[in-house]
Amino acid sequence: MKTVQISLNSISKVKTFVNAIAQFDFDFDLISGRYVIDAKSIMGIFSLDLSKPIDLAIHTENNLDEIMEVLKPYLIE
């Protein structure tokens, strides 16, 4: 499992993010405080405080390079 910080501070970013990770068969969780939601759930994402960075847990060790490339627009360096 790998965890990275991402920013989803606009509606269009949320939509493109969900579409980007939907192509993978792995589980992705968004962690904000004590809340953990499925990162592929648009409704779940909108229940979080999107004004702050969110932790994204990637539940795989495979294809990490490909996943990180897809996540580049959302990553907080």
C-alpha atoms as a PDB file:
ATOM      1  CA  MET A   1       0.000   0.000   0.000  1.00  0.00           C
ATOM      2  CA  LYS A   2       1.171   3.515  -0.798  1.00  0.00           C
ATOM      3  CA  THR A   3      -0.238   6.782   0.553  1.00  0.00           C
ATOM      4  CA  VAL A   4       0.060  10.164  -1.184  1.00  0.00           C
ATOM      5  CA  GLN A   5      -1.485  13.589  -0.605  1.00  0.00           C
ATOM      6  CA  ILE A   6      -3.776  14.984  -3.259  1.00  0.00           C
ATOM      7  CA  SER A   7      -5.841  18.108  -3.835  1.00  0.00           C
ATOM      8  CA  LEU A   8      -9.372  17.954  -5.248  1.00  0.00           C
ATOM      9  CA  ASN A   9     -10.343  21.596  -4.914  1.00  0.00           C
ATOM     10  CA  SER A  10     -12.826  21.855  -7.810  1.00  0.00           C
ATOM     11  CA  ILE A  11     -15.795  19.910  -9.165  1.00  0.00           C
ATOM     12  CA  SER A  12     -14.065  19.282 -12.487  1.00  0.00           C
ATOM     13  CA  LYS A  13     -10.972  17.955 -10.680  1.00  0.00           C
ATOM     14  CA  VAL A  14     -13.127  15.496  -8.732  1.00  0.00           C
ATOM     15  CA  LYS A  15     -14.776  14.230 -11.925  1.00  0.00           C
ATOM     16  CA  THR A  16     -11.503  13.772 -13.816  1.00  0.00           C
ATOM     17  CA  PHE A  17      -9.884  12.158 -10.751  1.00  0.00           C
ATOM     18  CA  VAL A  18     -12.664   9.552 -10.400  1.00  0.00           C
ATOM     19  CA  ASN A  19     -12.553   8.803 -14.142  1.00  0.00           C
ATOM     20  CA  ALA A  20      -8.743   8.477 -14.008  1.00  0.00           C
ATOM     21  CA  ILE A  21      -8.652   5.951 -11.159  1.00  0.00           C
ATOM     22  CA  ALA A  22     -11.731   4.020 -12.339  1.00  0.00           C
ATOM     23  CA  GLN A  23      -9.559   2.385 -15.017  1.00  0.00           C
ATOM     24  CA  PHE A  24      -7.650   0.476 -12.305  1.00  0.00           C
ATOM     25  CA  ASP A  25      -9.021  -2.641 -10.589  1.00  0.00           C
ATOM     26  CA  PHE A  26      -7.337  -1.780  -7.284  1.00  0.00           C
ATOM     27  CA  ASP A  27      -8.940  -0.196  -4.226  1.00  0.00           C
ATOM     28  CA  PHE A  28      -8.306   3.474  -3.525  1.00  0.00           C
ATOM     29  CA  ASP A  29      -9.361   5.134  -0.247  1.00  0.00           C
ATOM     30  CA  LEU A  30      -9.491   8.823   0.585  1.00  0.00           C
ATOM     31  CA  ILE A  31      -8.664   9.623   4.209  1.00  0.00           C
ATOM     32  CA  SER A  32      -9.653  12.945   5.725  1.00  0.00           C
ATOM     33  CA  GLY A  33      -9.428  13.098   9.503  1.00  0.00           C
ATOM     34  CA  ARG A  34     -11.403  10.142  10.839  1.00  0.00           C
ATOM     35  CA  TYR A  35     -13.295   9.590   7.585  1.00  0.00           C
ATOM     36  CA  VAL A  36     -12.272   6.930   5.071  1.00  0.00           C
ATOM     37  CA  ILE A  37     -14.242   6.751   1.836  1.00  0.00           C
ATOM     38  CA  ASP A  38     -13.965   4.901  -1.463  1.00  0.00           C
ATOM     39  CA  ALA A  39     -12.036   7.191  -3.821  1.00  0.00           C
ATOM     40  CA  LYS A  40     -14.097   5.944  -6.770  1.00  0.00           C
ATOM     41  CA  SER A  41     -17.295   7.336  -5.206  1.00  0.00           C
ATOM     42  CA  ILE A  42     -18.086  10.864  -6.394  1.00  0.00           C
ATOM     43  CA  MET A  43     -20.786  11.238  -3.738  1.00  0.00           C
ATOM     44  CA  GLY A  44     -18.358  10.101  -1.055  1.00  0.00           C
ATOM     45  CA  ILE A  45     -15.709  12.583  -2.189  1.00  0.00           C
ATOM     46  CA  PHE A  46     -18.165  15.477  -1.981  1.00  0.00           C
ATOM     47  CA  SER A  47     -18.857  14.545   1.650  1.00  0.00           C
ATOM     48  CA  LEU A  48     -15.258  15.492   2.524  1.00  0.00           C
ATOM     49  CA  ASP A  49     -13.738  18.914   3.177  1.00  0.00           C
ATOM     50  CA  LEU A  50     -12.144  19.515  -0.234  1.00  0.00           C
ATOM     51  CA  SER A  51     -10.484  22.776   0.775  1.00  0.00           C
ATOM     52  CA  LYS A  52      -7.697  20.792   2.495  1.00  0.00           C
ATOM     53  CA  PRO A  53      -5.260  18.188   1.151  1.00  0.00           C
ATOM     54  CA  ILE A  54      -6.572  14.617   1.352  1.00  0.00           C
ATOM     55  CA  ASP A  55      -4.601  11.411   1.841  1.00  0.00           C
ATOM     56  CA  LEU A  56      -5.068   8.825  -0.907  1.00  0.00           C
ATOM     57  CA  ALA A  57      -4.305   5.216   0.033  1.00  0.00           C
ATOM     58  CA  ILE A  58      -3.491   3.030  -2.975  1.00  0.00           C
ATOM     59  CA  HIS A  59      -4.048  -0.636  -2.094  1.00  0.00           C
ATOM     60  CA  THR A  60      -1.583  -2.301  -4.442  1.00  0.00           C
ATOM     61  CA  GLU A  61       2.118  -2.677  -5.077  1.00  0.00           C
ATOM     62  CA  ASN A  62       1.589  -3.385  -8.787  1.00  0.00           C
ATOM     63  CA  ASN A  63       1.529  -0.731 -11.525  1.00  0.00           C
ATOM     64  CA  LEU A  64       2.529   2.022  -9.081  1.00  0.00           C
ATOM     65  CA  ASP A  65       4.496   3.891 -11.751  1.00  0.00           C
ATOM     66  CA  GLU A  66       1.462   3.944 -14.045  1.00  0.00           C
ATOM     67  CA  ILE A  67      -0.861   4.973 -11.199  1.00  0.00           C
ATOM     68  CA  MET A  68       1.475   7.782 -10.076  1.00  0.00           C
ATOM     69  CA  GLU A  69       1.629   9.083 -13.656  1.00  0.00           C
ATOM     70  CA  VAL A  70      -2.190   9.248 -13.805  1.00  0.00           C
ATOM     71  CA  LEU A  71      -2.296  10.972 -10.400  1.00  0.00           C
ATOM     72  CA  LYS A  72       0.271  13.674 -11.267  1.00  0.00           C
ATOM     73  CA  PRO A  73      -2.283  16.496 -11.806  1.00  0.00           C
ATOM     74  CA  TYR A  74      -3.709  15.906  -8.315  1.00  0.00           C
ATOM     75  CA  LEU A  75      -0.556  15.306  -6.266  1.00  0.00           C
ATOM     76  CA  ILE A  76       0.733  17.759  -3.703  1.00  0.00           C
ATOM     77  CA  GLU A  77       4.517  17.821  -3.890  1.00  0.00           C
END
